[in-house]
């Protein structure tokens, strides 16, 4: 059965909209400040730790995994969602992209290897 398009009984009003468009703030001032601190922290941490800190451990746990050796990411063991700090050196590891992906693709195994932590200890 073929249907015809819906016909409007009253036309839409043009230009006289009661909705006002206002630009939204992308992030709060507090979050923007923390993001700037994080960027500075990541840059300095990766310059001090240029190699992947988890590659050897992951390769022994999963023989199919291959580490890229050069660290390009900073991974938080206790994530922000779990109450971790994004600028605490004790909470981060320098990782290559392959190892970082492996950790997030295998959370149960990564938790056993202490690459992910729970907020409950």
PDB file of N, CA and C in Angstrom:
ATOM      1  N   UNK A   1       0.836  -1.175   0.000  1.00  0.00           N
ATOM      2  CA  UNK A   1       0.000   0.000   0.000  1.00  0.00           C
ATOM      3  C   UNK A   1       0.886   1.245   0.000  1.00  0.00           C
ATOM      4  N   UNK A   2       0.669   2.073  -0.970  1.00  0.00           N
ATOM      5  CA  UNK A   2       1.460   3.278  -1.111  1.00  0.00           C
ATOM      6  C   UNK A   2       0.809   4.415  -0.337  1.00  0.00           C
ATOM      7  N   UNK A   3       1.619   5.136   0.438  1.00  0.00           N
ATOM      8  CA  UNK A   3       1.078   6.234   1.237  1.00  0.00           C
ATOM      9  C   UNK A   3       1.505   7.571   0.666  1.00  0.00           C
ATOM     10  N   UNK A   4       0.670   8.526   0.809  1.00  0.00           N
ATOM     11  CA  UNK A   4       1.027   9.871   0.365  1.00  0.00           C
ATOM     12  C   UNK A   4       1.661  10.619   1.539  1.00  0.00           C
ATOM     13  N   UNK A   5       2.482  11.616   1.252  1.00  0.00           N
ATOM     14  CA  UNK A   5       3.108  12.359   2.343  1.00  0.00           C
ATOM     15  C   UNK A   5       2.056  13.076   3.197  1.00  0.00           C
ATOM     16  N   UNK A   6       2.411  13.283   4.460  1.00  0.00           N
ATOM     17  CA  UNK A   6       1.503  13.966   5.383  1.00  0.00           C
ATOM     18  C   UNK A   6       1.321  15.405   4.933  1.00  0.00           C
ATOM     19  N   UNK A   7       0.092  15.838   4.925  1.00  0.00           N
ATOM     20  CA  UNK A   7      -0.212  17.217   4.552  1.00  0.00           C
ATOM     21  C   UNK A   7      -0.464  18.028   5.816  1.00  0.00           C
ATOM     22  N   UNK A   8       0.201  19.151   5.924  1.00  0.00           N
ATOM     23  CA  UNK A   8       0.047  20.025   7.070  1.00  0.00           C
ATOM     24  C   UNK A   8      -1.191  20.900   6.878  1.00  0.00           C
ATOM     25  N   UNK A   9      -1.975  21.014   7.945  1.00  0.00           N
ATOM     26  CA  UNK A   9      -3.194  21.823   7.846  1.00  0.00           C
ATOM     27  C   UNK A   9      -2.908  23.302   8.075  1.00  0.00           C
ATOM     28  N   UNK A  10      -1.878  23.585   8.922  1.00  0.00           N
ATOM     29  CA  UNK A  10      -1.487  24.980   9.132  1.00  0.00           C
ATOM     30  C   UNK A  10      -0.011  25.108   8.772  1.00  0.00           C
ATOM     31  N   UNK A  11       0.351  26.135   8.053  1.00  0.00           N
ATOM     32  CA  UNK A  11       1.748  26.269   7.643  1.00  0.00           C
ATOM     33  C   UNK A  11       2.658  26.614   8.827  1.00  0.00           C
ATOM     34  N   UNK A  12       3.920  26.251   8.710  1.00  0.00           N
ATOM     35  CA  UNK A  12       4.907  26.605   9.727  1.00  0.00           C
ATOM     36  C   UNK A  12       5.214  28.090   9.643  1.00  0.00           C
ATOM     37  N   UNK A  13       5.409  28.708  10.785  1.00  0.00           N
ATOM     38  CA  UNK A  13       5.768  30.126  10.807  1.00  0.00           C
ATOM     39  C   UNK A  13       7.259  30.253  10.568  1.00  0.00           C
ATOM     40  N   UNK A  14       7.624  31.217   9.773  1.00  0.00           N
ATOM     41  CA  UNK A  14       9.041  31.439   9.485  1.00  0.00           C
ATOM     42  C   UNK A  14       9.562  32.622  10.269  1.00  0.00           C
ATOM     43  N   UNK A  15      10.750  32.457  10.816  1.00  0.00           N
ATOM     44  CA  UNK A  15      11.445  33.573  11.436  1.00  0.00           C
ATOM     45  C   UNK A  15      10.951  33.996  12.807  1.00  0.00           C
ATOM     46  N   UNK A  16       9.772  33.639  13.195  1.00  0.00           N
ATOM     47  CA  UNK A  16       9.251  34.076  14.484  1.00  0.00           C
ATOM     48  C   UNK A  16       9.369  32.929  15.496  1.00  0.00           C
ATOM     49  N   UNK A  17      10.551  32.434  15.638  1.00  0.00           N
ATOM     50  CA  UNK A  17      10.771  31.313  16.547  1.00  0.00           C
ATOM     51  C   UNK A  17      10.987  31.826  17.961  1.00  0.00           C
ATOM     52  N   UNK A  18      10.419  31.135  18.928  1.00  0.00           N
ATOM     53  CA  UNK A  18      10.609  31.527  20.317  1.00  0.00           C
ATOM     54  C   UNK A  18      11.900  30.952  20.885  1.00  0.00           C
ATOM     55  N   UNK A  19      12.488  30.011  20.193  1.00  0.00           N
ATOM     56  CA  UNK A  19      13.745  29.429  20.653  1.00  0.00           C
ATOM     57  C   UNK A  19      14.905  30.318  20.249  1.00  0.00           C
ATOM     58  N   UNK A  20      15.711  30.676  21.192  1.00  0.00           N
ATOM     59  CA  UNK A  20      16.896  31.487  20.916  1.00  0.00           C
ATOM     60  C   UNK A  20      18.113  30.579  20.910  1.00  0.00           C
ATOM     61  N   UNK A  21      18.903  30.684  19.907  1.00  0.00           N
ATOM     62  CA  UNK A  21      20.111  29.868  19.818  1.00  0.00           C
ATOM     63  C   UNK A  21      21.261  30.573  20.511  1.00  0.00           C
ATOM     64  N   UNK A  22      21.836  29.900  21.475  1.00  0.00           N
ATOM     65  CA  UNK A  22      22.997  30.433  22.170  1.00  0.00           C
ATOM     66  C   UNK A  22      24.102  29.402  22.102  1.00  0.00           C
ATOM     67  N   UNK A  23      25.323  29.833  21.904  1.00  0.00           N
ATOM     68  CA  UNK A  23      26.418  28.872  21.854  1.00  0.00           C
ATOM     69  C   UNK A  23      26.633  28.216  23.217  1.00  0.00           C
ATOM     70  N   UNK A  24      26.928  26.952  23.192  1.00  0.00           N
ATOM     71  CA  UNK A  24      27.193  26.219  24.425  1.00  0.00           C
ATOM     72  C   UNK A  24      28.675  26.251  24.747  1.00  0.00           C
ATOM     73  N   UNK A  25      28.999  26.277  26.052  1.00  0.00           N
ATOM     74  CA  UNK A  25      30.385  26.171  26.458  1.00  0.00           C
ATOM     75  C   UNK A  25      30.834  24.737  26.219  1.00  0.00           C
ATOM     76  N   UNK A  26      31.983  24.552  25.633  1.00  0.00           N
ATOM     77  CA  UNK A  26      32.470  23.212  25.366  1.00  0.00           C
ATOM     78  C   UNK A  26      32.850  22.490  26.657  1.00  0.00           C
ATOM     79  N   UNK A  27      33.602  23.150  27.509  1.00  0.00           N
ATOM     80  CA  UNK A  27      33.985  22.586  28.805  1.00  0.00           C
ATOM     81  C   UNK A  27      33.962  23.703  29.846  1.00  0.00           C
ATOM     82  N   UNK A  28      33.847  23.308  31.088  1.00  0.00           N
ATOM     83  CA  UNK A  28      33.853  24.307  32.155  1.00  0.00           C
ATOM     84  C   UNK A  28      35.259  24.888  32.302  1.00  0.00           C
ATOM     85  N   UNK A  29      35.366  26.009  32.979  1.00  0.00           N
ATOM     86  CA  UNK A  29      36.672  26.633  33.204  1.00  0.00           C
ATOM     87  C   UNK A  29      37.575  25.718  34.027  1.00  0.00           C
ATOM     88  N   UNK A  30      36.978  25.052  35.008  1.00  0.00           N
ATOM     89  CA  UNK A  30      37.744  24.134  35.854  1.00  0.00           C
ATOM     90  C   UNK A  30      38.291  22.970  35.027  1.00  0.00           C
ATOM     91  N   UNK A  31      37.461  22.381  34.161  1.00  0.00           N
ATOM     92  CA  UNK A  31      37.894  21.263  33.323  1.00  0.00           C
ATOM     93  C   UNK A  31      38.919  21.727  32.296  1.00  0.00           C
ATOM     94  N   UNK A  32      38.750  22.914  31.747  1.00  0.00           N
ATOM     95  CA  UNK A  32      39.708  23.450  30.778  1.00  0.00           C
ATOM     96  C   UNK A  32      41.081  23.623  31.425  1.00  0.00           C
ATOM     97  N   UNK A  33      41.104  24.108  32.663  1.00  0.00           N
ATOM     98  CA  UNK A  33      42.361  24.276  33.389  1.00  0.00           C
ATOM     99  C   UNK A  33      43.021  22.916  33.619  1.00  0.00           C
ATOM    100  N   UNK A  34      42.229  21.926  34.037  1.00  0.00           N
ATOM    101  CA  UNK A  34      42.748  20.577  34.263  1.00  0.00           C
ATOM    102  C   UNK A  34      43.263  19.961  32.960  1.00  0.00           C
ATOM    103  N   UNK A  35      42.568  20.213  31.856  1.00  0.00           N
ATOM    104  CA  UNK A  35      43.016  19.694  30.557  1.00  0.00           C
ATOM    105  C   UNK A  35      44.349  20.311  30.136  1.00  0.00           C
ATOM    106  N   UNK A  36      44.543  21.603  30.440  1.00  0.00           N
ATOM    107  CA  UNK A  36      45.835  22.233  30.132  1.00  0.00           C
ATOM    108  C   UNK A  36      46.947  21.623  30.986  1.00  0.00           C
ATOM    109  N   UNK A  37      46.660  21.418  32.272  1.00  0.00           N
ATOM    110  CA  UNK A  37      47.642  20.761  33.156  1.00  0.00           C
ATOM    111  C   UNK A  37      47.977  19.369  32.624  1.00  0.00           C
ATOM    112  N   UNK A  38      46.953  18.632  32.192  1.00  0.00           N
ATOM    113  CA  UNK A  38      47.128  17.273  31.679  1.00  0.00           C
ATOM    114  C   UNK A  38      48.035  17.276  30.435  1.00  0.00           C
ATOM    115  N   UNK A  39      47.812  18.207  29.526  1.00  0.00           N
ATOM    116  CA  UNK A  39      48.620  18.271  28.307  1.00  0.00           C
ATOM    117  C   UNK A  39      50.096  18.514  28.643  1.00  0.00           C
ATOM    118  N   UNK A  40      50.361  19.414  29.567  1.00  0.00           N
ATOM    119  CA  UNK A  40      51.729  19.687  29.995  1.00  0.00           C
ATOM    120  C   UNK A  40      52.340  18.471  30.673  1.00  0.00           C
ATOM    121  N   UNK A  41      51.553  17.837  31.536  1.00  0.00           N
ATOM    122  CA  UNK A  41      51.999  16.632  32.250  1.00  0.00           C
ATOM    123  C   UNK A  41      52.346  15.502  31.284  1.00  0.00           C
ATOM    124  N   UNK A  42      51.483  15.250  30.309  1.00  0.00           N
ATOM    125  CA  UNK A  42      51.702  14.163  29.341  1.00  0.00           C
ATOM    126  C   UNK A  42      52.970  14.411  28.540  1.00  0.00           C
ATOM    127  N   UNK A  43      53.153  15.637  28.090  1.00  0.00           N
ATOM    128  CA  UNK A  43      54.343  15.977  27.296  1.00  0.00           C
ATOM    129  C   UNK A  43      55.624  15.736  28.095  1.00  0.00           C
ATOM    130  N   UNK A  44      55.645  16.174  29.338  1.00  0.00           N
ATOM    131  CA  UNK A  44      56.850  15.995  30.149  1.00  0.00           C
ATOM    132  C   UNK A  44      57.048  14.529  30.533  1.00  0.00           C
ATOM    133  N   UNK A  45      55.963  13.813  30.818  1.00  0.00           N
ATOM    134  CA  UNK A  45      56.080  12.405  31.208  1.00  0.00           C
ATOM    135  C   UNK A  45      56.596  11.554  30.052  1.00  0.00           C
ATOM    136  N   UNK A  46      56.082  11.796  28.847  1.00  0.00           N
ATOM    137  CA  UNK A  46      56.544  11.023  27.685  1.00  0.00           C
ATOM    138  C   UNK A  46      57.986  11.366  27.304  1.00  0.00           C
ATOM    139  N   UNK A  47      58.425  12.579  27.597  1.00  0.00           N
ATOM    140  CA  UNK A  47      59.816  12.920  27.292  1.00  0.00           C
ATOM    141  C   UNK A  47      60.773  12.221  28.265  1.00  0.00           C
ATOM    142  N   UNK A  48      60.325  11.980  29.506  1.00  0.00           N
ATOM    143  CA  UNK A  48      61.138  11.266  30.495  1.00  0.00           C
ATOM    144  C   UNK A  48      61.050   9.753  30.345  1.00  0.00           C
ATOM    145  N   UNK A  49      59.944   9.249  29.806  1.00  0.00           N
ATOM    146  CA  UNK A  49      59.723   7.814  29.664  1.00  0.00           C
ATOM    147  C   UNK A  49      59.344   7.515  28.207  1.00  0.00           C
ATOM    148  N   UNK A  50      60.329   7.447  27.304  1.00  0.00           N
ATOM    149  CA  UNK A  50      60.014   7.306  25.880  1.00  0.00           C
ATOM    150  C   UNK A  50      59.657   5.891  25.428  1.00  0.00           C
ATOM    151  N   UNK A  51      59.846   4.879  26.285  1.00  0.00           N
ATOM    152  CA  UNK A  51      59.538   3.507  25.877  1.00  0.00           C
ATOM    153  C   UNK A  51      58.307   2.977  26.610  1.00  0.00           C
ATOM    154  N   UNK A  52      57.660   2.018  26.005  1.00  0.00           N
ATOM    155  CA  UNK A  52      56.446   1.411  26.556  1.00  0.00           C
ATOM    156  C   UNK A  52      56.779   0.662  27.845  1.00  0.00           C
ATOM    157  N   UNK A  53      56.027   0.943  28.902  1.00  0.00           N
ATOM    158  CA  UNK A  53      56.288   0.337  30.200  1.00  0.00           C
ATOM    159  C   UNK A  53      55.579  -1.012  30.389  1.00  0.00           C
ATOM    160  N   UNK A  54      54.680  -1.369  29.487  1.00  0.00           N
ATOM    161  CA  UNK A  54      53.898  -2.591  29.674  1.00  0.00           C
ATOM    162  C   UNK A  54      54.164  -3.663  28.624  1.00  0.00           C
ATOM    163  N   UNK A  55      54.918  -3.348  27.615  1.00  0.00           N
ATOM    164  CA  UNK A  55      55.098  -4.250  26.482  1.00  0.00           C
ATOM    165  C   UNK A  55      55.578  -5.639  26.835  1.00  0.00           C
ATOM    166  N   UNK A  56      56.638  -5.737  27.620  1.00  0.00           N
ATOM    167  CA  UNK A  56      57.195  -7.058  27.965  1.00  0.00           C
ATOM    168  C   UNK A  56      56.200  -7.904  28.753  1.00  0.00           C
ATOM    169  N   UNK A  57      55.513  -7.286  29.694  1.00  0.00           N
ATOM    170  CA  UNK A  57      54.555  -8.025  30.531  1.00  0.00           C
ATOM    171  C   UNK A  57      53.393  -8.532  29.683  1.00  0.00           C
ATOM    172  N   UNK A  58      52.868  -7.677  28.813  1.00  0.00           N
ATOM    173  CA  UNK A  58      51.745  -8.082  27.965  1.00  0.00           C
ATOM    174  C   UNK A  58      52.177  -9.163  26.979  1.00  0.00           C
ATOM    175  N   UNK A  59      53.378  -9.044  26.417  1.00  0.00           N
ATOM    176  CA  UNK A  59      53.851 -10.054  25.467  1.00  0.00           C
ATOM    177  C   UNK A  59      54.010 -11.420  26.116  1.00  0.00           C
ATOM    178  N   UNK A  60      54.386 -11.464  27.395  1.00  0.00           N
ATOM    179  CA  UNK A  60      54.487 -12.762  28.069  1.00  0.00           C
ATOM    180  C   UNK A  60      53.100 -13.300  28.424  1.00  0.00           C
ATOM    181  N   UNK A  61      52.139 -12.430  28.657  1.00  0.00           N
ATOM    182  CA  UNK A  61      50.779 -12.866  28.985  1.00  0.00           C
ATOM    183  C   UNK A  61      49.987 -13.259  27.736  1.00  0.00           C
ATOM    184  N   UNK A  62      50.261 -12.602  26.620  1.00  0.00           N
ATOM    185  CA  UNK A  62      49.548 -12.871  25.371  1.00  0.00           C
ATOM    186  C   UNK A  62      50.574 -12.955  24.246  1.00  0.00           C
ATOM    187  N   UNK A  63      50.897 -14.165  23.818  1.00  0.00           N
ATOM    188  CA  UNK A  63      51.973 -14.368  22.837  1.00  0.00           C
ATOM    189  C   UNK A  63      51.636 -13.769  21.472  1.00  0.00           C
ATOM    190  N   UNK A  64      50.364 -13.503  21.193  1.00  0.00           N
ATOM    191  CA  UNK A  64      49.974 -12.910  19.905  1.00  0.00           C
ATOM    192  C   UNK A  64      50.213 -11.410  19.863  1.00  0.00           C
ATOM    193  N   UNK A  65      50.369 -10.775  21.006  1.00  0.00           N
ATOM    194  CA  UNK A  65      50.521  -9.316  21.076  1.00  0.00           C
ATOM    195  C   UNK A  65      51.946  -8.896  20.724  1.00  0.00           C
ATOM    196  N   UNK A  66      52.084  -7.809  19.982  1.00  0.00           N
ATOM    197  CA  UNK A  66      53.379  -7.233  19.642  1.00  0.00           C
ATOM    198  C   UNK A  66      53.419  -5.775  20.062  1.00  0.00           C
ATOM    199  N   UNK A  67      54.375  -5.458  20.898  1.00  0.00           N
ATOM    200  CA  UNK A  67      54.557  -4.091  21.391  1.00  0.00           C
ATOM    201  C   UNK A  67      55.305  -3.263  20.352  1.00  0.00           C
ATOM    202  N   UNK A  68      54.940  -1.988  20.246  1.00  0.00           N
ATOM    203  CA  UNK A  68      55.596  -1.074  19.300  1.00  0.00           C
ATOM    204  C   UNK A  68      56.811  -0.383  19.900  1.00  0.00           C
ATOM    205  N   UNK A  69      57.097  -0.607  21.164  1.00  0.00           N
ATOM    206  CA  UNK A  69      58.241  -0.097  21.926  1.00  0.00           C
ATOM    207  C   UNK A  69      58.150   1.406  22.245  1.00  0.00           C
ATOM    208  N   UNK A  70      57.893   2.267  21.285  1.00  0.00           N
ATOM    209  CA  UNK A  70      57.887   3.716  21.522  1.00  0.00           C
ATOM    210  C   UNK A  70      56.574   4.156  22.167  1.00  0.00           C
ATOM    211  N   UNK A  71      56.658   4.787  23.320  1.00  0.00           N
ATOM    212  CA  UNK A  71      55.476   5.254  24.038  1.00  0.00           C
ATOM    213  C   UNK A  71      54.910   6.502  23.383  1.00  0.00           C
ATOM    214  N   UNK A  72      53.602   6.490  23.145  1.00  0.00           N
ATOM    215  CA  UNK A  72      52.922   7.636  22.563  1.00  0.00           C
ATOM    216  C   UNK A  72      51.696   8.047  23.384  1.00  0.00           C
ATOM    217  N   UNK A  73      51.265   7.170  24.318  1.00  0.00           N
ATOM    218  CA  UNK A  73      50.087   7.432  25.140  1.00  0.00           C
ATOM    219  C   UNK A  73      50.448   7.365  26.614  1.00  0.00           C
ATOM    220  N   UNK A  74      49.669   8.081  27.414  1.00  0.00           N
ATOM    221  CA  UNK A  74      49.778   7.971  28.863  1.00  0.00           C
ATOM    222  C   UNK A  74      48.478   7.337  29.345  1.00  0.00           C
ATOM    223  N   UNK A  75      48.600   6.181  29.972  1.00  0.00           N
ATOM    224  CA  UNK A  75      47.436   5.406  30.422  1.00  0.00           C
ATOM    225  C   UNK A  75      47.236   5.590  31.921  1.00  0.00           C
ATOM    226  N   UNK A  76      45.988   5.830  32.313  1.00  0.00           N
ATOM    227  CA  UNK A  76      45.654   5.948  33.733  1.00  0.00           C
ATOM    228  C   UNK A  76      45.207   4.581  34.239  1.00  0.00           C
ATOM    229  N   UNK A  77      45.899   4.054  35.227  1.00  0.00           N
ATOM    230  CA  UNK A  77      45.535   2.747  35.784  1.00  0.00           C
ATOM    231  C   UNK A  77      44.209   2.831  36.528  1.00  0.00           C
ATOM    232  N   UNK A  78      44.012   3.894  37.280  1.00  0.00           N
ATOM    233  CA  UNK A  78      42.735   4.160  37.939  1.00  0.00           C
ATOM    234  C   UNK A  78      42.108   5.291  37.142  1.00  0.00           C
ATOM    235  N   UNK A  79      41.133   4.968  36.316  1.00  0.00           N
ATOM    236  CA  UNK A  79      40.559   5.944  35.391  1.00  0.00           C
ATOM    237  C   UNK A  79      39.820   7.054  36.123  1.00  0.00           C
ATOM    238  N   UNK A  80      39.563   8.133  35.412  1.00  0.00           N
ATOM    239  CA  UNK A  80      38.825   9.256  35.996  1.00  0.00           C
ATOM    240  C   UNK A  80      37.438   8.818  36.442  1.00  0.00           C
ATOM    241  N   UNK A  81      36.820   7.931  35.677  1.00  0.00           N
ATOM    242  CA  UNK A  81      35.480   7.453  36.026  1.00  0.00           C
ATOM    243  C   UNK A  81      35.485   6.687  37.340  1.00  0.00           C
ATOM    244  N   UNK A  82      36.626   6.140  37.696  1.00  0.00           N
ATOM    245  CA  UNK A  82      36.747   5.375  38.941  1.00  0.00           C
ATOM    246  C   UNK A  82      37.355   6.204  40.062  1.00  0.00           C
ATOM    247  N   UNK A  83      37.552   7.484  39.830  1.00  0.00           N
ATOM    248  CA  UNK A  83      38.046   8.376  40.875  1.00  0.00           C
ATOM    249  C   UNK A  83      39.530   8.643  40.827  1.00  0.00           C
ATOM    250  N   UNK A  84      40.196   8.296  39.727  1.00  0.00           N
ATOM    251  CA  UNK A  84      41.634   8.509  39.606  1.00  0.00           C
ATOM    252  C   UNK A  84      41.979   9.908  39.142  1.00  0.00           C
ATOM    253  N   UNK A  85      43.213  10.293  39.396  1.00  0.00           N
ATOM    254  CA  UNK A  85      43.698  11.603  38.972  1.00  0.00           C
ATOM    255  C   UNK A  85      44.364  11.475  37.603  1.00  0.00           C
ATOM    256  N   UNK A  86      44.183  12.487  36.768  1.00  0.00           N
ATOM    257  CA  UNK A  86      44.788  12.439  35.440  1.00  0.00           C
ATOM    258  C   UNK A  86      46.156  13.122  35.413  1.00  0.00           C
ATOM    259  N   UNK A  87      46.582  13.679  36.536  1.00  0.00           N
ATOM    260  CA  UNK A  87      47.883  14.335  36.593  1.00  0.00           C
ATOM    261  C   UNK A  87      48.759  13.781  37.714  1.00  0.00           C
ATOM    262  N   UNK A  88      48.470  12.573  38.187  1.00  0.00           N
ATOM    263  CA  UNK A  88      49.241  11.939  39.244  1.00  0.00           C
ATOM    264  C   UNK A  88      50.211  10.938  38.630  1.00  0.00           C
ATOM    265  N   UNK A  89      51.508  11.142  38.835  1.00  0.00           N
ATOM    266  CA  UNK A  89      52.512  10.255  38.244  1.00  0.00           C
ATOM    267  C   UNK A  89      52.397   8.815  38.721  1.00  0.00           C
ATOM    268  N   UNK A  90      51.922   8.605  39.927  1.00  0.00           N
ATOM    269  CA  UNK A  90      51.781   7.249  40.466  1.00  0.00           C
ATOM    270  C   UNK A  90      50.621   6.500  39.811  1.00  0.00           C
ATOM    271  N   UNK A  91      49.774   7.196  39.079  1.00  0.00           N
ATOM    272  CA  UNK A  91      48.587   6.599  38.475  1.00  0.00           C
ATOM    273  C   UNK A  91      48.726   6.351  36.978  1.00  0.00           C
ATOM    274  N   UNK A  92      49.868   6.668  36.388  1.00  0.00           N
ATOM    275  CA  UNK A  92      49.982   6.577  34.931  1.00  0.00           C
ATOM    276  C   UNK A  92      51.128   5.676  34.476  1.00  0.00           C
ATOM    277  N   UNK A  93      50.988   5.203  33.239  1.00  0.00           N
ATOM    278  CA  UNK A  93      52.025   4.436  32.558  1.00  0.00           C
ATOM    279  C   UNK A  93      52.197   5.010  31.161  1.00  0.00           C
ATOM    280  N   UNK A  94      53.429   5.016  30.677  1.00  0.00           N
ATOM    281  CA  UNK A  94      53.686   5.398  29.297  1.00  0.00           C
ATOM    282  C   UNK A  94      53.559   4.138  28.450  1.00  0.00           C
ATOM    283  N   UNK A  95      52.689   4.186  27.435  1.00  0.00           N
ATOM    284  CA  UNK A  95      52.412   3.007  26.617  1.00  0.00           C
ATOM    285  C   UNK A  95      52.467   3.313  25.134  1.00  0.00           C
ATOM    286  N   UNK A  96      52.757   2.263  24.354  1.00  0.00           N
ATOM    287  CA  UNK A  96      52.600   2.380  22.905  1.00  0.00           C
ATOM    288  C   UNK A  96      51.116   2.206  22.591  1.00  0.00           C
ATOM    289  N   UNK A  97      50.697   2.557  21.409  1.00  0.00           N
ATOM    290  CA  UNK A  97      49.279   2.474  21.042  1.00  0.00           C
ATOM    291  C   UNK A  97      48.780   1.024  21.069  1.00  0.00           C
ATOM    292  N   UNK A  98      49.594   0.088  20.642  1.00  0.00           N
ATOM    293  CA  UNK A  98      49.189  -1.323  20.608  1.00  0.00           C
ATOM    294  C   UNK A  98      48.914  -1.849  22.021  1.00  0.00           C
ATOM    295  N   UNK A  99      49.769  -1.534  22.962  1.00  0.00           N
ATOM    296  CA  UNK A  99      49.580  -1.992  24.345  1.00  0.00           C
ATOM    297  C   UNK A  99      48.382  -1.303  24.995  1.00  0.00           C
ATOM    298  N   UNK A 100      48.192  -0.020  24.700  1.00  0.00           N
ATOM    299  CA  UNK A 100      47.054   0.710  25.252  1.00  0.00           C
ATOM    300  C   UNK A 100      45.746   0.103  24.744  1.00  0.00           C
ATOM    301  N   UNK A 101      45.693  -0.204  23.459  1.00  0.00           N
ATOM    302  CA  UNK A 101      44.510  -0.855  22.901  1.00  0.00           C
ATOM    303  C   UNK A 101      44.287  -2.221  23.539  1.00  0.00           C
ATOM    304  N   UNK A 102      45.368  -2.990  23.739  1.00  0.00           N
ATOM    305  CA  UNK A 102      45.249  -4.324  24.338  1.00  0.00           C
ATOM    306  C   UNK A 102      44.654  -4.225  25.744  1.00  0.00           C
ATOM    307  N   UNK A 103      45.109  -3.258  26.524  1.00  0.00           N
ATOM    308  CA  UNK A 103      44.614  -3.094  27.895  1.00  0.00           C
ATOM    309  C   UNK A 103      43.109  -2.839  27.902  1.00  0.00           C
ATOM    310  N   UNK A 104      42.638  -1.963  27.012  1.00  0.00           N
ATOM    311  CA  UNK A 104      41.218  -1.637  27.002  1.00  0.00           C
ATOM    312  C   UNK A 104      40.371  -2.696  26.296  1.00  0.00           C
ATOM    313  N   UNK A 105      40.988  -3.502  25.439  1.00  0.00           N
ATOM    314  CA  UNK A 105      40.270  -4.611  24.801  1.00  0.00           C
ATOM    315  C   UNK A 105      40.186  -5.834  25.707  1.00  0.00           C
ATOM    316  N   UNK A 106      41.078  -5.954  26.686  1.00  0.00           N
ATOM    317  CA  UNK A 106      41.132  -7.093  27.600  1.00  0.00           C
ATOM    318  C   UNK A 106      41.126  -6.624  29.052  1.00  0.00           C
ATOM    319  N   UNK A 107      40.030  -6.003  29.514  1.00  0.00           N
ATOM    320  CA  UNK A 107      40.035  -5.405  30.855  1.00  0.00           C
ATOM    321  C   UNK A 107      40.231  -6.418  31.987  1.00  0.00           C
ATOM    322  N   UNK A 108      39.678  -7.599  31.846  1.00  0.00           N
ATOM    323  CA  UNK A 108      39.827  -8.587  32.921  1.00  0.00           C
ATOM    324  C   UNK A 108      41.289  -8.990  33.080  1.00  0.00           C
ATOM    325  N   UNK A 109      41.941  -9.306  31.979  1.00  0.00           N
ATOM    326  CA  UNK A 109      43.352  -9.702  32.011  1.00  0.00           C
ATOM    327  C   UNK A 109      44.237  -8.529  32.431  1.00  0.00           C
ATOM    328  N   UNK A 110      43.910  -7.332  31.965  1.00  0.00           N
ATOM    329  CA  UNK A 110      44.683  -6.138  32.326  1.00  0.00           C
ATOM    330  C   UNK A 110      44.582  -5.840  33.823  1.00  0.00           C
ATOM    331  N   UNK A 111      43.431  -6.117  34.412  1.00  0.00           N
ATOM    332  CA  UNK A 111      43.263  -5.933  35.851  1.00  0.00           C
ATOM    333  C   UNK A 111      44.123  -6.936  36.609  1.00  0.00           C
ATOM    334  N   UNK A 112      44.170  -8.177  36.121  1.00  0.00           N
ATOM    335  CA  UNK A 112      45.018  -9.195  36.743  1.00  0.00           C
ATOM    336  C   UNK A 112      46.491  -8.811  36.682  1.00  0.00           C
ATOM    337  N   UNK A 113      46.890  -8.140  35.592  1.00  0.00           N
ATOM    338  CA  UNK A 113      48.284  -7.721  35.418  1.00  0.00           C
ATOM    339  C   UNK A 113      48.568  -6.357  36.052  1.00  0.00           C
ATOM    340  N   UNK A 114      47.587  -5.778  36.714  1.00  0.00           N
ATOM    341  CA  UNK A 114      47.682  -4.487  37.422  1.00  0.00           C
ATOM    342  C   UNK A 114      47.827  -3.287  36.492  1.00  0.00           C
ATOM    343  N   UNK A 115      47.322  -3.373  35.273  1.00  0.00           N
ATOM    344  CA  UNK A 115      47.305  -2.244  34.373  1.00  0.00           C
ATOM    345  C   UNK A 115      46.011  -1.450  34.503  1.00  0.00           C
ATOM    346  N   UNK A 116      45.005  -2.042  35.108  1.00  0.00           N
ATOM    347  CA  UNK A 116      43.757  -1.357  35.452  1.00  0.00           C
ATOM    348  C   UNK A 116      43.486  -1.623  36.921  1.00  0.00           C
ATOM    349  N   UNK A 117      42.987  -0.611  37.613  1.00  0.00           N
ATOM    350  CA  UNK A 117      42.684  -0.783  39.032  1.00  0.00           C
ATOM    351  C   UNK A 117      41.240  -0.411  39.302  1.00  0.00           C
ATOM    352  N   UNK A 118      40.699  -0.996  40.369  1.00  0.00           N
ATOM    353  CA  UNK A 118      39.345  -0.702  40.794  1.00  0.00           C
ATOM    354  C   UNK A 118      39.393   0.386  41.856  1.00  0.00           C
ATOM    355  N   UNK A 119      38.325   1.162  41.924  1.00  0.00           N
ATOM    356  CA  UNK A 119      38.258   2.209  42.947  1.00  0.00           C
ATOM    357  C   UNK A 119      38.114   1.628  44.345  1.00  0.00           C
ATOM    358  N   UNK A 120      37.780   0.343  44.436  1.00  0.00           N
ATOM    359  CA  UNK A 120      37.585  -0.297  45.724  1.00  0.00           C
ATOM    360  C   UNK A 120      38.828  -1.025  46.229  1.00  0.00           C
ATOM    361  N   UNK A 121      39.934  -0.867  45.540  1.00  0.00           N
ATOM    362  CA  UNK A 121      41.176  -1.494  46.001  1.00  0.00           C
ATOM    363  C   UNK A 121      41.378  -2.763  45.308  1.00  0.00           C
TER     364      UNK A 121
END
